PDB file of N, CA and C in Angstrom:
ATOM      1  N   MET A   1      95.616 104.968 102.865  1.00  0.00           N
ATOM      2  CA  MET A   1      96.846 105.635 102.521  1.00  0.00           C
ATOM      3  C   MET A   1      97.463 104.948 101.378  1.00  0.00           C
ATOM      4  N   ARG A   2      97.907 105.613 100.510  1.00  0.00           N
ATOM      5  CA  ARG A   2      98.076 105.211  99.077  1.00  0.00           C
ATOM      6  C   ARG A   2      99.494 104.893  98.947  1.00  0.00           C
ATOM      7  N   GLN A   3     100.555 106.079  99.226  1.00  0.00           N
ATOM      8  CA  GLN A   3     101.746 106.120  98.893  1.00  0.00           C
ATOM      9  C   GLN A   3     102.544 106.693 100.292  1.00  0.00           C
ATOM     10  N   LEU A   4     103.532 105.979 100.645  1.00  0.00           N
ATOM     11  CA  LEU A   4     104.596 106.538 101.565  1.00  0.00           C
ATOM     12  C   LEU A   4     105.734 107.371 101.163  1.00  0.00           C
ATOM     13  N   ASP A   5     106.128 108.384 101.800  1.00  0.00           N
ATOM     14  CA  ASP A   5     107.558 109.159 101.331  1.00  0.00           C
ATOM     15  C   ASP A   5     108.634 108.247 101.905  1.00  0.00           C
ATOM     16  N   GLY A   6     108.682 107.434 102.770  1.00  0.00           N
ATOM     17  CA  GLY A   6     109.806 106.806 103.462  1.00  0.00           C
ATOM     18  C   GLY A   6     109.180 105.669 104.392  1.00  0.00           C
ATOM     19  N   VAL A   7     110.185 104.658 104.446  1.00  0.00           N
ATOM     20  CA  VAL A   7     109.921 103.686 105.672  1.00  0.00           C
ATOM     21  C   VAL A   7     111.552 103.226 105.843  1.00  0.00           C
ATOM     22  N   ARG A   8     111.511 103.308 107.361  1.00  0.00           N
ATOM     23  CA  ARG A   8     112.925 102.499 107.647  1.00  0.00           C
ATOM     24  C   ARG A   8     112.706 101.992 109.214  1.00  0.00           C
ATOM     25  N   THR A   9     113.786 101.057 109.472  1.00  0.00           N
ATOM     26  CA  THR A   9     113.654 100.461 110.617  1.00  0.00           C
ATOM     27  C   THR A   9     114.718 100.874 111.429  1.00  0.00           C
ATOM     28  N   PHE A  10     114.961 100.914 112.781  1.00  0.00           N
ATOM     29  CA  PHE A  10     115.918 101.065 113.610  1.00  0.00           C
ATOM     30  C   PHE A  10     115.812 100.542 115.052  1.00  0.00           C
ATOM     31  N   GLU A  11     116.916 100.404 115.773  1.00  0.00           N
ATOM     32  CA  GLU A  11     116.812  99.729 117.199  1.00  0.00           C
ATOM     33  C   GLU A  11     116.349 101.047 118.018  1.00  0.00           C
ATOM     34  N   ASP A  12     115.467 100.537 118.956  1.00  0.00           N
ATOM     35  CA  ASP A  12     114.828 101.492 120.009  1.00  0.00           C
ATOM     36  C   ASP A  12     115.850 101.827 120.787  1.00  0.00           C
ATOM     37  N   ALA A  13     116.436 103.121 120.831  1.00  0.00           N
ATOM     38  CA  ALA A  13     117.265 103.540 121.826  1.00  0.00           C
ATOM     39  C   ALA A  13     116.848 103.396 123.263  1.00  0.00           C
ATOM     40  N   ARG A  14     115.557 103.405 123.439  1.00  0.00           N
ATOM     41  CA  ARG A  14     115.124 103.669 125.002  1.00  0.00           C
ATOM     42  C   ARG A  14     114.952 102.294 125.482  1.00  0.00           C
ATOM     43  N   GLY A  15     115.330 101.218 124.649  1.00  0.00           N
ATOM     44  CA  GLY A  15     115.183  99.864 125.218  1.00  0.00           C
ATOM     45  C   GLY A  15     113.821  99.330 125.358  1.00  0.00           C
ATOM     46  N   GLY A  16     113.650  98.238 125.805  1.00  0.00           N
ATOM     47  CA  GLY A  16     112.167  97.685 125.962  1.00  0.00           C
ATOM     48  C   GLY A  16     111.356  97.056 124.832  1.00  0.00           C
ATOM     49  N   ARG A  17     111.820  97.509 123.550  1.00  0.00           N
ATOM     50  CA  ARG A  17     111.350  97.157 122.197  1.00  0.00           C
ATOM     51  C   ARG A  17     112.748  96.724 121.353  1.00  0.00           C
ATOM     52  N   ASP A  18     112.643  95.788 120.575  1.00  0.00           N
ATOM     53  CA  ASP A  18     113.688  95.557 119.651  1.00  0.00           C
ATOM     54  C   ASP A  18     113.895  96.343 118.500  1.00  0.00           C
ATOM     55  N   ARG A  19     112.913  96.596 117.765  1.00  0.00           N
ATOM     56  CA  ARG A  19     113.021  97.360 116.515  1.00  0.00           C
ATOM     57  C   ARG A  19     111.880  98.248 116.565  1.00  0.00           C
ATOM     58  N   ILE A  20     111.889  99.422 115.737  1.00  0.00           N
ATOM     59  CA  ILE A  20     110.883 100.397 115.369  1.00  0.00           C
ATOM     60  C   ILE A  20     110.905 100.459 113.978  1.00  0.00           C
ATOM     61  N   VAL A  21     109.687 100.559 113.489  1.00  0.00           N
ATOM     62  CA  VAL A  21     109.479 100.952 111.928  1.00  0.00           C
ATOM     63  C   VAL A  21     108.751 102.220 112.233  1.00  0.00           C
ATOM     64  N   GLU A  22     109.581 103.136 111.170  1.00  0.00           N
ATOM     65  CA  GLU A  22     109.303 104.575 111.150  1.00  0.00           C
ATOM     66  C   GLU A  22     108.700 104.728 109.704  1.00  0.00           C
ATOM     67  N   VAL A  23     107.450 105.318 109.628  1.00  0.00           N
ATOM     68  CA  VAL A  23     106.862 105.473 108.183  1.00  0.00           C
ATOM     69  C   VAL A  23     106.723 107.129 108.026  1.00  0.00           C
ATOM     70  N   THR A  24     107.062 107.519 107.102  1.00  0.00           N
ATOM     71  CA  THR A  24     106.680 108.927 106.614  1.00  0.00           C
ATOM     72  C   THR A  24     105.586 109.061 105.339  1.00  0.00           C
ATOM     73  N   PHE A  25     104.636 109.648 105.730  1.00  0.00           N
ATOM     74  CA  PHE A  25     103.469 109.736 105.009  1.00  0.00           C
ATOM     75  C   PHE A  25     103.607 111.099 103.956  1.00  0.00           C
ATOM     76  N   ASN A  26     102.851 111.114 102.967  1.00  0.00           N
ATOM     77  CA  ASN A  26     102.827 112.240 102.191  1.00  0.00           C
ATOM     78  C   ASN A  26     101.872 113.264 102.848  1.00  0.00           C
ATOM     79  N   SER A  27     101.740 114.476 102.558  1.00  0.00           N
ATOM     80  CA  SER A  27     100.972 115.667 103.491  1.00  0.00           C
ATOM     81  C   SER A  27      99.631 114.847 103.317  1.00  0.00           C
ATOM     82  N   GLN A  28      98.842 114.778 102.098  1.00  0.00           N
ATOM     83  CA  GLN A  28      97.490 114.288 102.278  1.00  0.00           C
ATOM     84  C   GLN A  28      97.235 113.143 103.129  1.00  0.00           C
ATOM     85  N   ASP A  29      98.030 112.054 103.034  1.00  0.00           N
ATOM     86  CA  ASP A  29      97.730 111.031 103.750  1.00  0.00           C
ATOM     87  C   ASP A  29      98.085 111.226 105.192  1.00  0.00           C
ATOM     88  N   SER A  30      99.073 112.004 105.567  1.00  0.00           N
ATOM     89  CA  SER A  30      99.265 112.393 107.173  1.00  0.00           C
ATOM     90  C   SER A  30      98.011 112.882 107.647  1.00  0.00           C
ATOM     91  N   ALA A  31      97.201 113.671 107.106  1.00  0.00           N
ATOM     92  CA  ALA A  31      96.068 114.224 107.712  1.00  0.00           C
ATOM     93  C   ALA A  31      94.956 113.361 107.969  1.00  0.00           C
ATOM     94  N   GLN A  32      94.800 112.398 106.928  1.00  0.00           N
ATOM     95  CA  GLN A  32      93.880 111.227 107.034  1.00  0.00           C
ATOM     96  C   GLN A  32      93.980 110.522 108.223  1.00  0.00           C
ATOM     97  N   PHE A  33      95.689 110.021 108.352  1.00  0.00           N
ATOM     98  CA  PHE A  33      96.053 109.068 109.273  1.00  0.00           C
ATOM     99  C   PHE A  33      95.909 109.868 110.699  1.00  0.00           C
ATOM    100  N   SER A  34      96.013 111.081 110.793  1.00  0.00           N
ATOM    101  CA  SER A  34      95.958 111.944 112.002  1.00  0.00           C
ATOM    102  C   SER A  34      94.504 111.832 112.428  1.00  0.00           C
ATOM    103  N   ASP A  35      93.450 111.957 111.425  1.00  0.00           N
ATOM    104  CA  ASP A  35      92.154 111.973 111.842  1.00  0.00           C
ATOM    105  C   ASP A  35      91.684 110.475 112.280  1.00  0.00           C
ATOM    106  N   LEU A  36      92.098 109.508 111.487  1.00  0.00           N
ATOM    107  CA  LEU A  36      92.037 108.142 111.947  1.00  0.00           C
ATOM    108  C   LEU A  36      92.467 107.831 113.330  1.00  0.00           C
ATOM    109  N   THR A  37      93.705 108.151 113.630  1.00  0.00           N
ATOM    110  CA  THR A  37      94.034 107.900 114.975  1.00  0.00           C
ATOM    111  C   THR A  37      93.494 108.584 116.017  1.00  0.00           C
ATOM    112  N   GLY A  38      92.869 109.870 115.489  1.00  0.00           N
ATOM    113  CA  GLY A  38      92.279 110.576 116.703  1.00  0.00           C
ATOM    114  C   GLY A  38      90.795 109.817 117.002  1.00  0.00           C
ATOM    115  N   GLN A  39      90.317 109.202 115.943  1.00  0.00           N
ATOM    116  CA  GLN A  39      88.888 108.493 116.340  1.00  0.00           C
ATOM    117  C   GLN A  39      89.177 107.271 117.192  1.00  0.00           C
ATOM    118  N   VAL A  40      90.406 106.548 117.195  1.00  0.00           N
ATOM    119  CA  VAL A  40      90.221 105.218 117.669  1.00  0.00           C
ATOM    120  C   VAL A  40      91.180 105.406 119.144  1.00  0.00           C
ATOM    121  N   ALA A  41      92.046 106.506 119.359  1.00  0.00           N
ATOM    122  CA  ALA A  41      92.769 106.708 120.287  1.00  0.00           C
ATOM    123  C   ALA A  41      91.950 106.895 121.727  1.00  0.00           C
ATOM    124  N   GLY A  42      92.272 106.279 122.891  1.00  0.00           N
ATOM    125  CA  GLY A  42      91.319 106.270 123.882  1.00  0.00           C
ATOM    126  C   GLY A  42      90.280 105.181 123.980  1.00  0.00           C
ATOM    127  N   GLN A  43      89.932 104.595 122.765  1.00  0.00           N
ATOM    128  CA  GLN A  43      88.969 103.577 123.026  1.00  0.00           C
ATOM    129  C   GLN A  43      89.233 102.449 123.510  1.00  0.00           C
ATOM    130  N   PRO A  44      88.420 101.485 124.139  1.00  0.00           N
ATOM    131  CA  PRO A  44      88.762 100.190 124.661  1.00  0.00           C
ATOM    132  C   PRO A  44      89.307  99.263 123.647  1.00  0.00           C
ATOM    133  N   GLN A  45      90.133  98.434 124.179  1.00  0.00           N
ATOM    134  CA  GLN A  45      90.683  97.580 123.262  1.00  0.00           C
ATOM    135  C   GLN A  45      89.740  96.493 122.876  1.00  0.00           C
ATOM    136  N   PRO A  46      89.750  96.019 121.655  1.00  0.00           N
ATOM    137  CA  PRO A  46      90.778  96.304 120.476  1.00  0.00           C
ATOM    138  C   PRO A  46      90.265  97.393 119.643  1.00  0.00           C
ATOM    139  N   ARG A  47      89.277  98.157 120.182  1.00  0.00           N
ATOM    140  CA  ARG A  47      88.691  99.452 119.324  1.00  0.00           C
ATOM    141  C   ARG A  47      90.034 100.487 119.297  1.00  0.00           C
ATOM    142  N   ASN A  48      90.943 100.350 119.838  1.00  0.00           N
ATOM    143  CA  ASN A  48      92.162 101.518 119.872  1.00  0.00           C
ATOM    144  C   ASN A  48      93.154 100.953 119.107  1.00  0.00           C
ATOM    145  N   GLU A  49      92.962  99.806 118.229  1.00  0.00           N
ATOM    146  CA  GLU A  49      93.973  99.313 117.453  1.00  0.00           C
ATOM    147  C   GLU A  49      93.531  99.664 115.952  1.00  0.00           C
ATOM    148  N   ILE A  50      94.476  99.744 115.014  1.00  0.00           N
ATOM    149  CA  ILE A  50      94.193  99.907 113.665  1.00  0.00           C
ATOM    150  C   ILE A  50      95.199  98.739 113.009  1.00  0.00           C
ATOM    151  N   ALA A  51      94.652  98.280 111.844  1.00  0.00           N
ATOM    152  CA  ALA A  51      95.280  97.160 110.972  1.00  0.00           C
ATOM    153  C   ALA A  51      96.041  97.935 110.079  1.00  0.00           C
ATOM    154  N   VAL A  52      97.282  97.462 109.736  1.00  0.00           N
ATOM    155  CA  VAL A  52      98.147  97.633 108.639  1.00  0.00           C
ATOM    156  C   VAL A  52      97.896  96.510 107.650  1.00  0.00           C
ATOM    157  N   VAL A  53      97.161  96.812 106.587  1.00  0.00           N
ATOM    158  CA  VAL A  53      96.770  95.702 105.617  1.00  0.00           C
ATOM    159  C   VAL A  53      97.496  95.830 104.434  1.00  0.00           C
ATOM    160  N   MET A  54      97.952  94.936 103.623  1.00  0.00           N
ATOM    161  CA  MET A  54      98.291  94.944 102.335  1.00  0.00           C
ATOM    162  C   MET A  54      97.542  93.859 101.514  1.00  0.00           C
ATOM    163  N   GLY A  55      96.950  94.197 100.646  1.00  0.00           N
ATOM    164  CA  GLY A  55      95.919  93.044  99.926  1.00  0.00           C
ATOM    165  C   GLY A  55      95.138  92.478 100.922  1.00  0.00           C
ATOM    166  N   ASN A  56      94.971  91.281 101.208  1.00  0.00           N
ATOM    167  CA  ASN A  56      94.243  90.435 102.083  1.00  0.00           C
ATOM    168  C   ASN A  56      94.987  90.225 103.391  1.00  0.00           C
ATOM    169  N   ARG A  57      96.281  90.607 103.531  1.00  0.00           N
ATOM    170  CA  ARG A  57      96.875  90.260 104.781  1.00  0.00           C
ATOM    171  C   ARG A  57      97.270  91.422 105.664  1.00  0.00           C
ATOM    172  N   MET A  58      97.113  90.978 106.900  1.00  0.00           N
ATOM    173  CA  MET A  58      97.257  92.155 108.115  1.00  0.00           C
ATOM    174  C   MET A  58      98.709  91.967 108.412  1.00  0.00           C
ATOM    175  N   LEU A  59      99.405  93.211 108.179  1.00  0.00           N
ATOM    176  CA  LEU A  59     100.998  93.076 108.534  1.00  0.00           C
ATOM    177  C   LEU A  59     101.200  93.492 109.950  1.00  0.00           C
ATOM    178  N   ALA A  60     100.237  94.263 110.678  1.00  0.00           N
ATOM    179  CA  ALA A  60     100.475  94.698 112.124  1.00  0.00           C
ATOM    180  C   ALA A  60      99.329  95.376 112.511  1.00  0.00           C
ATOM    181  N   ASN A  61      98.993  95.233 113.792  1.00  0.00           N
ATOM    182  CA  ASN A  61      97.846  95.901 114.424  1.00  0.00           C
ATOM    183  C   ASN A  61      98.362  96.676 115.718  1.00  0.00           C
ATOM    184  N   PRO A  62      98.862  97.924 115.558  1.00  0.00           N
ATOM    185  CA  PRO A  62      99.275  98.659 116.736  1.00  0.00           C
ATOM    186  C   PRO A  62      98.145  99.210 117.436  1.00  0.00           C
ATOM    187  N   VAL A  63      98.354  99.393 118.666  1.00  0.00           N
ATOM    188  CA  VAL A  63      97.585 100.108 119.644  1.00  0.00           C
ATOM    189  C   VAL A  63      97.885 101.594 119.472  1.00  0.00           C
ATOM    190  N   ILE A  64      96.861 102.237 119.339  1.00  0.00           N
ATOM    191  CA  ILE A  64      97.007 103.843 119.322  1.00  0.00           C
ATOM    192  C   ILE A  64      96.634 104.475 120.603  1.00  0.00           C
ATOM    193  N   MET A  65      97.638 105.052 121.259  1.00  0.00           N
ATOM    194  CA  MET A  65      97.383 105.665 122.458  1.00  0.00           C
ATOM    195  C   MET A  65      96.985 107.275 122.444  1.00  0.00           C
ATOM    196  N   GLN A  66      97.307 107.678 121.381  1.00  0.00           N
ATOM    197  CA  GLN A  66      96.873 109.203 121.186  1.00  0.00           C
ATOM    198  C   GLN A  66      96.911 109.447 119.673  1.00  0.00           C
ATOM    199  N   ARG A  67      96.233 110.664 119.559  1.00  0.00           N
ATOM    200  CA  ARG A  67      96.326 111.134 117.913  1.00  0.00           C
ATOM    201  C   ARG A  67      97.746 111.248 117.574  1.00  0.00           C
ATOM    202  N   LEU A  68      97.902 110.677 116.269  1.00  0.00           N
ATOM    203  CA  LEU A  68      99.407 110.861 115.680  1.00  0.00           C
ATOM    204  C   LEU A  68      99.183 111.872 114.790  1.00  0.00           C
ATOM    205  N   ALA A  69      99.842 113.034 114.963  1.00  0.00           N
ATOM    206  CA  ALA A  69      99.941 114.094 114.050  1.00  0.00           C
ATOM    207  C   ALA A  69     101.184 114.347 113.330  1.00  0.00           C
ATOM    208  N   GLY A  70     101.383 114.738 112.289  1.00  0.00           N
ATOM    209  CA  GLY A  70     102.552 115.105 111.687  1.00  0.00           C
ATOM    210  C   GLY A  70     102.883 113.883 110.461  1.00  0.00           C
ATOM    211  N   ARG A  71     103.971 114.096 109.665  1.00  0.00           N
ATOM    212  CA  ARG A  71     104.035 113.239 108.636  1.00  0.00           C
ATOM    213  C   ARG A  71     104.817 111.948 108.943  1.00  0.00           C
ATOM    214  N   THR A  72     105.604 111.882 110.162  1.00  0.00           N
ATOM    215  CA  THR A  72     106.433 110.772 110.403  1.00  0.00           C
ATOM    216  C   THR A  72     105.716 110.134 111.743  1.00  0.00           C
ATOM    217  N   ILE A  73     105.592 108.567 111.527  1.00  0.00           N
ATOM    218  CA  ILE A  73     104.881 108.134 112.920  1.00  0.00           C
ATOM    219  C   ILE A  73     106.001 106.914 113.043  1.00  0.00           C
ATOM    220  N   GLN A  74     105.856 106.256 114.157  1.00  0.00           N
ATOM    221  CA  GLN A  74     106.791 105.171 114.689  1.00  0.00           C
ATOM    222  C   GLN A  74     105.719 104.054 115.048  1.00  0.00           C
ATOM    223  N   ILE A  75     105.814 102.828 114.590  1.00  0.00           N
ATOM    224  CA  ILE A  75     105.301 101.568 114.913  1.00  0.00           C
ATOM    225  C   ILE A  75     106.198 100.935 115.770  1.00  0.00           C
ATOM    226  N   ALA A  76     105.983 100.843 117.008  1.00  0.00           N
ATOM    227  CA  ALA A  76     106.741 100.227 118.128  1.00  0.00           C
ATOM    228  C   ALA A  76     106.066  98.972 118.884  1.00  0.00           C
ATOM    229  N   THR A  77     105.788  97.923 118.468  1.00  0.00           N
ATOM    230  CA  THR A  77     105.026  96.917 118.982  1.00  0.00           C
ATOM    231  C   THR A  77     105.724  95.705 119.277  1.00  0.00           C
ATOM    232  N   HIS A  78     106.888  95.694 119.984  1.00  0.00           N
ATOM    233  CA  HIS A  78     107.746  94.680 120.506  1.00  0.00           C
ATOM    234  C   HIS A  78     108.164  93.666 119.101  1.00  0.00           C
ATOM    235  N   LEU A  79     108.594  94.447 118.070  1.00  0.00           N
ATOM    236  CA  LEU A  79     109.037  93.700 116.846  1.00  0.00           C
ATOM    237  C   LEU A  79     110.199  93.311 116.960  1.00  0.00           C
ATOM    238  N   THR A  80     110.643  91.956 116.509  1.00  0.00           N
ATOM    239  CA  THR A  80     111.838  91.495 116.412  1.00  0.00           C
ATOM    240  C   THR A  80     112.638  92.115 115.035  1.00  0.00           C
ATOM    241  N   THR A  81     113.922  91.776 115.158  1.00  0.00           N
ATOM    242  CA  THR A  81     114.545  92.571 113.703  1.00  0.00           C
ATOM    243  C   THR A  81     113.810  91.991 112.570  1.00  0.00           C
ATOM    244  N   ALA A  82     113.584  90.760 112.459  1.00  0.00           N
ATOM    245  CA  ALA A  82     113.264  90.033 111.257  1.00  0.00           C
ATOM    246  C   ALA A  82     111.790  90.509 111.234  1.00  0.00           C
ATOM    247  N   GLN A  83     110.763  90.644 111.991  1.00  0.00           N
ATOM    248  CA  GLN A  83     109.475  91.319 111.936  1.00  0.00           C
ATOM    249  C   GLN A  83     109.325  92.521 111.522  1.00  0.00           C
ATOM    250  N   ALA A  84     110.207  93.496 112.000  1.00  0.00           N
ATOM    251  CA  ALA A  84     110.442  94.890 111.604  1.00  0.00           C
ATOM    252  C   ALA A  84     110.846  95.053 110.246  1.00  0.00           C
ATOM    253  N   ARG A  85     111.799  94.053 109.736  1.00  0.00           N
ATOM    254  CA  ARG A  85     112.300  94.149 108.333  1.00  0.00           C
ATOM    255  C   ARG A  85     111.203  93.812 107.343  1.00  0.00           C
ATOM    256  N   ILE A  86     110.325  92.579 107.678  1.00  0.00           N
ATOM    257  CA  ILE A  86     109.298  92.209 106.826  1.00  0.00           C
ATOM    258  C   ILE A  86     108.283  93.288 106.774  1.00  0.00           C
ATOM    259  N   LEU A  87     107.895  93.927 107.777  1.00  0.00           N
ATOM    260  CA  LEU A  87     106.806  95.032 107.775  1.00  0.00           C
ATOM    261  C   LEU A  87     107.303  96.176 106.955  1.00  0.00           C
ATOM    262  N   ALA A  88     108.749  96.572 107.314  1.00  0.00           N
ATOM    263  CA  ALA A  88     109.230  97.704 106.533  1.00  0.00           C
ATOM    264  C   ALA A  88     109.256  97.434 105.020  1.00  0.00           C
ATOM    265  N   GLU A  89     109.708  96.234 104.706  1.00  0.00           N
ATOM    266  CA  GLU A  89     109.849  95.977 103.230  1.00  0.00           C
ATOM    267  C   GLU A  89     108.394  95.787 102.633  1.00  0.00           C
ATOM    268  N   ALA A  90     107.500  95.312 103.318  1.00  0.00           N
ATOM    269  CA  ALA A  90     106.058  95.191 102.736  1.00  0.00           C
ATOM    270  C   ALA A  90     105.433  96.748 102.632  1.00  0.00           C
ATOM    271  N   LEU A  91     105.994  97.663 103.324  1.00  0.00           N
ATOM    272  CA  LEU A  91     105.479  98.934 103.392  1.00  0.00           C
ATOM    273  C   LEU A  91     106.439  99.911 102.207  1.00  0.00           C
ATOM    274  N   GLY A  92     107.419  99.296 101.599  1.00  0.00           N
ATOM    275  CA  GLY A  92     108.171  99.835 100.495  1.00  0.00           C
ATOM    276  C   GLY A  92     109.547 100.131 100.955  1.00  0.00           C
ATOM    277  N   ALA A  93     110.070  99.620 101.925  1.00  0.00           N
ATOM    278  CA  ALA A  93     111.509 100.133 102.277  1.00  0.00           C
ATOM    279  C   ALA A  93     112.336  99.199 101.377  1.00  0.00           C
ATOM    280  N   ARG A  94     113.513  99.664 100.991  1.00  0.00           N
ATOM    281  CA  ARG A  94     114.438  98.944 100.168  1.00  0.00           C
ATOM    282  C   ARG A  94     115.323  97.993 100.922  1.00  0.00           C
ATOM    283  N   ARG A  95     115.952  97.037 100.512  1.00  0.00           N
ATOM    284  CA  ARG A  95     116.701  96.244 101.303  1.00  0.00           C
ATOM    285  C   ARG A  95     117.885  97.148 101.530  1.00  0.00           C
ATOM    286  N   PRO A  96     118.257  97.016 102.841  1.00  0.00           N
ATOM    287  CA  PRO A  96     119.605  97.876 103.202  1.00  0.00           C
ATOM    288  C   PRO A  96     121.169  97.075 102.910  1.00  0.00           C
ATOM    289  N   HIS A  97     121.999  98.047 102.910  1.00  0.00           N
ATOM    290  CA  HIS A  97     123.358  97.624 102.714  1.00  0.00           C
ATOM    291  C   HIS A  97     123.971  97.228 104.221  1.00  0.00           C
ATOM    292  N   ASP A  98     123.327  97.924 105.204  1.00  0.00           N
ATOM    293  CA  ASP A  98     123.712  97.840 106.535  1.00  0.00           C
ATOM    294  C   ASP A  98     122.531  97.441 107.382  1.00  0.00           C
ATOM    295  N   ASP A  99     122.502  97.788 108.639  1.00  0.00           N
ATOM    296  CA  ASP A  99     121.453  97.343 109.367  1.00  0.00           C
ATOM    297  C   ASP A  99     120.273  98.271 109.328  1.00  0.00           C
ATOM    298  N   GLU A 100     120.106  99.287 108.714  1.00  0.00           N
ATOM    299  CA  GLU A 100     119.115 100.230 108.578  1.00  0.00           C
ATOM    300  C   GLU A 100     118.258  99.961 107.267  1.00  0.00           C
ATOM    301  N   HIS A 101     117.161  99.991 107.189  1.00  0.00           N
ATOM    302  CA  HIS A 101     116.147 100.006 106.272  1.00  0.00           C
ATOM    303  C   HIS A 101     115.492 101.314 105.852  1.00  0.00           C
ATOM    304  N   SER A 102     115.840 101.768 104.619  1.00  0.00           N
ATOM    305  CA  SER A 102     115.148 103.075 104.268  1.00  0.00           C
ATOM    306  C   SER A 102     114.524 102.965 102.856  1.00  0.00           C
ATOM    307  N   ALA A 103     113.476 103.608 102.609  1.00  0.00           N
ATOM    308  CA  ALA A 103     112.877 103.733 101.457  1.00  0.00           C
ATOM    309  C   ALA A 103     113.549 105.018 100.853  1.00  0.00           C
ATOM    310  N   PRO A 104     113.207 105.202  99.345  1.00  0.00           N
ATOM    311  CA  PRO A 104     113.651 106.181  98.638  1.00  0.00           C
ATOM    312  C   PRO A 104     112.996 107.448  99.331  1.00  0.00           C
ATOM    313  N   GLY A 105     113.838 108.646  99.676  1.00  0.00           N
ATOM    314  CA  GLY A 105     113.313 109.777 100.223  1.00  0.00           C
ATOM    315  C   GLY A 105     113.158 109.924 101.710  1.00  0.00           C
ATOM    316  N   SER A 106     113.621 108.904 102.174  1.00  0.00           N
ATOM    317  CA  SER A 106     113.573 108.799 103.838  1.00  0.00           C
ATOM    318  C   SER A 106     114.691 109.281 104.224  1.00  0.00           C
ATOM    319  N   ARG A 107     114.849 109.808 105.464  1.00  0.00           N
ATOM    320  CA  ARG A 107     116.156 110.265 106.062  1.00  0.00           C
ATOM    321  C   ARG A 107     116.512 109.333 107.054  1.00  0.00           C
ATOM    322  N   PRO A 108     118.025 109.019 107.074  1.00  0.00           N
ATOM    323  CA  PRO A 108     118.510 108.113 108.091  1.00  0.00           C
ATOM    324  C   PRO A 108     118.308 108.751 109.571  1.00  0.00           C
TER     325      PRO A 108
END
């Protein structure tokens, strides 16, 4: 995945997780990501995880429970507010004026 159309964080309204990082892919990367998640979904752990890597640093390794189709996905791995902000900013989110992080082109 080369470029994201949007990144934001928000509080999980369902509870149980502190923050969620939402990523919006461009259409080409969306199809590739869907294929990748389809390959790892249902595999035994840790083969059901994907690594979110920037440079030589792993930012997250979420478990994939099912194929993720569509341009927008949510990373919900029991992130604290600080962890979610670090991940979102590393993925391209702008620093917020309020509690929400959004990258250009993302929707609140």
